[in-house]
Amino acid sequence: MTDSREDSPMLRGLTTVTYFADDVPAAVRWYAAVTGTEPYFVRPEEGPPAYVEFRLGDLQHELGILDRRYAPSAPGPAGAGVVVYWAVDDARASFARLLSSGATVHQEPIERGPGYVTASVVDPFGNVLGVMANQHYLDVVGGLVAG
């Protein structure tokens, strides 16, 4: 009998992106303001939260905020080599909004090709947050809606 997992793609898509914060309530307030979304999941339910999760965007991707004391130790500097890009309608405008909300520049907006602009910031909690205007994303979401 063949393991059906061998026939499936190993990476099927994002489920949850987790950012770390020393002050989870402050991070939750910041991300709620930036995204215009309130968290749907908080643990523990009573007392200061250690983990909070938001559902964002067209496909309800999950963004988790985890108390930094539960973060695995990393061999390199924080955020080394990893930028998760969230789909936005206008990367330049989103970049400016994030900066006005207290983030700092990680990488200025760059046009990567027709229909693709990326930018990234460091949130007030030390996490790299990328934004991307991405025509491929819009095409995929448009196909899901039309299909």
Protein backbone atom coordinates (compact mmCIF):
# COMPACT_ATOMS: atom_id res chain seq x y z
CA MET A 1 0.00 0.00 0.00
CA THR A 2 1.34 3.42 -0.96
CA ASP A 3 1.41 6.28 1.52
CA SER A 4 -0.82 8.93 -0.10
CA ARG A 5 1.30 11.66 1.49
CA GLU A 6 4.09 10.76 -0.94
CA ASP A 7 1.82 11.76 -3.83
CA SER A 8 0.85 15.11 -2.31
CA PRO A 9 2.88 18.28 -2.27
CA MET A 10 4.79 18.55 0.99
CA LEU A 11 4.14 22.30 1.40
CA ARG A 12 0.47 22.94 0.73
CA GLY A 13 0.24 26.54 1.93
CA LEU A 14 0.52 28.67 5.03
CA THR A 15 -1.52 27.77 8.06
CA THR A 16 -0.22 30.06 10.81
CA VAL A 17 2.50 32.70 10.94
CA THR A 18 3.69 33.22 14.51
CA TYR A 19 5.34 36.42 15.75
CA PHE A 20 6.90 36.77 19.20
CA ALA A 21 6.42 39.58 21.71
CA ASP A 22 7.56 40.35 25.24
CA ASP A 23 4.29 42.24 25.77
CA VAL A 24 1.54 40.14 24.17
CA PRO A 25 -1.33 42.52 25.07
CA ALA A 26 0.54 45.45 23.45
CA ALA A 27 1.25 43.35 20.35
CA VAL A 28 -2.40 42.32 20.14
CA ARG A 29 -3.52 45.95 20.35
CA TRP A 30 -1.01 46.95 17.65
CA TYR A 31 -1.97 44.15 15.24
CA ALA A 32 -5.70 44.69 15.86
CA ALA A 33 -5.26 48.36 14.95
CA VAL A 34 -3.08 47.64 11.91
CA THR A 35 -5.30 44.85 10.53
CA GLY A 36 -8.69 46.15 11.62
CA THR A 37 -9.39 42.67 13.01
CA GLU A 38 -9.88 41.40 16.53
CA PRO A 39 -8.34 38.07 17.61
CA TYR A 40 -10.59 35.01 17.59
CA PHE A 41 -8.46 32.79 19.86
CA VAL A 42 -6.75 33.62 23.19
CA ARG A 43 -4.92 31.27 25.60
CA PRO A 44 -5.13 31.11 28.46
CA GLU A 45 -8.68 32.38 28.51
CA GLU A 46 -8.20 33.95 31.96
CA GLY A 47 -5.26 36.16 32.95
CA PRO A 48 -2.52 37.57 30.74
CA PRO A 49 -2.49 35.92 27.30
CA ALA A 50 0.46 33.76 26.25
CA TYR A 51 -0.88 33.13 22.73
CA VAL A 52 -3.38 35.06 20.63
CA GLU A 53 -4.47 34.35 17.07
CA PHE A 54 -6.07 36.44 14.32
CA ARG A 55 -7.63 35.26 11.03
CA LEU A 56 -6.74 37.60 8.20
CA GLY A 57 -7.56 38.25 4.59
CA ASP A 58 -9.26 36.49 1.73
CA LEU A 59 -8.23 32.99 2.81
CA GLN A 60 -8.40 33.56 6.58
CA HIS A 61 -4.69 32.90 7.13
CA GLU A 62 -3.75 32.81 10.78
CA LEU A 63 -1.41 35.24 12.52
CA GLY A 64 -0.37 34.18 16.01
CA ILE A 65 1.27 36.31 18.70
CA LEU A 66 3.24 34.17 21.17
CA ASP A 67 4.88 35.28 24.40
CA ARG A 68 8.61 35.41 23.58
CA ARG A 69 9.51 33.24 26.59
CA TYR A 70 8.00 30.28 24.68
CA ALA A 71 10.01 30.96 21.51
CA PRO A 72 12.50 28.30 20.47
CA SER A 73 16.08 29.46 20.78
CA ALA A 74 17.53 30.39 17.41
CA PRO A 75 21.17 30.04 16.43
CA GLY A 76 21.28 33.38 14.57
CA PRO A 77 19.98 36.91 14.96
CA ALA A 78 16.22 37.43 15.32
CA GLY A 79 14.39 37.27 12.00
CA ALA A 80 17.49 36.07 10.17
CA GLY A 81 16.64 34.89 6.68
CA VAL A 82 12.86 34.93 7.07
CA VAL A 83 10.36 37.43 5.69
CA VAL A 84 6.72 36.41 5.39
CA TYR A 85 4.93 38.64 2.90
CA TRP A 86 1.24 39.34 3.48
CA ALA A 87 -0.83 40.19 0.41
CA VAL A 88 -1.96 43.82 0.25
CA ASP A 89 -3.63 45.90 -2.44
CA ASP A 90 -0.95 48.64 -2.37
CA ALA A 91 2.47 47.78 -0.93
CA ARG A 92 3.69 51.38 -0.83
CA ALA A 93 0.59 52.65 0.99
CA SER A 94 0.64 49.67 3.41
CA PHE A 95 4.35 50.28 4.10
CA ALA A 96 3.64 53.94 4.89
CA ARG A 97 0.71 52.98 7.15
CA LEU A 98 2.86 50.49 9.07
CA LEU A 99 5.57 53.12 9.57
CA SER A 100 3.00 55.64 10.80
CA SER A 101 1.75 52.96 13.25
CA GLY A 102 5.17 52.63 14.90
CA ALA A 103 7.02 50.08 12.76
CA THR A 104 10.52 50.83 11.44
CA VAL A 105 11.99 50.30 7.98
CA HIS A 106 13.37 46.85 7.19
CA GLN A 107 13.31 47.24 3.39
CA GLU A 108 11.84 50.11 1.38
CA PRO A 109 9.27 49.22 -1.33
CA ILE A 110 10.85 47.59 -4.39
CA GLU A 111 9.18 46.79 -7.68
CA ARG A 112 10.17 43.19 -8.40
CA GLY A 113 8.41 43.04 -11.76
CA PRO A 114 5.10 44.07 -13.32
CA GLY A 115 2.41 43.58 -10.68
CA TYR A 116 4.84 42.73 -7.87
CA VAL A 117 5.98 45.21 -5.21
CA THR A 118 7.47 44.15 -1.88
CA ALA A 119 8.39 46.02 1.29
CA SER A 120 9.06 45.06 4.89
CA VAL A 121 9.13 46.63 8.33
CA VAL A 122 10.16 45.64 11.82
CA ASP A 123 7.12 45.76 14.10
CA PRO A 124 7.42 47.37 17.55
CA PHE A 125 8.09 43.88 18.99
CA GLY A 126 11.11 43.02 16.81
CA ASN A 127 9.41 40.85 14.14
CA VAL A 128 9.92 41.34 10.40
CA LEU A 129 6.56 41.93 8.66
CA GLY A 130 6.53 41.87 4.86
CA VAL A 131 3.84 43.25 2.56
CA MET A 132 3.46 42.46 -1.13
CA ALA A 133 1.23 43.63 -3.93
CA ASN A 134 1.17 40.43 -5.96
CA GLN A 135 -0.76 39.92 -9.18
CA HIS A 136 -0.47 36.13 -8.90
CA TYR A 137 -2.22 36.22 -5.50
CA LEU A 138 -5.05 38.32 -6.97
CA ASP A 139 -5.39 35.91 -9.90
CA VAL A 140 -5.58 32.87 -7.56
CA VAL A 141 -8.13 34.50 -5.26
CA GLY A 142 -10.12 35.68 -8.28
CA GLY A 143 -10.18 32.09 -9.60
CA LEU A 144 -11.43 30.78 -6.26
CA VAL A 145 -14.21 33.34 -6.17
CA ALA A 146 -15.20 32.73 -9.81
CA GLY A 147 -14.95 28.93 -9.49
